[in-house]
């Protein structure tokens, strides 16, 4: 009985970590709706959004932080055909 409890806890923690690393939520750049999706590679980032959205801004006009966000959004969402 004592051995089963730590194994169960370890399995639950491993499962939760897997869910955290391989799934996420993105905010649609046109409608603002939240959607659950499965990531193609593990990353700790959970929430993805496009700082540019549908505006006429160019990538170079964004701040460094916003550029990083946009690159994540492009890699995980737009390049996979999720937000079209």
Foldseek 3Di string as FASTA:
>chain_A
DVVVVVVVVVVVVVVVQVCQFFKAWEQALAPRDIDIDGFPGGDNDHYAYQPCRPHPDDLVPDDPVNNVRNVVCCRGDVVVPNHD
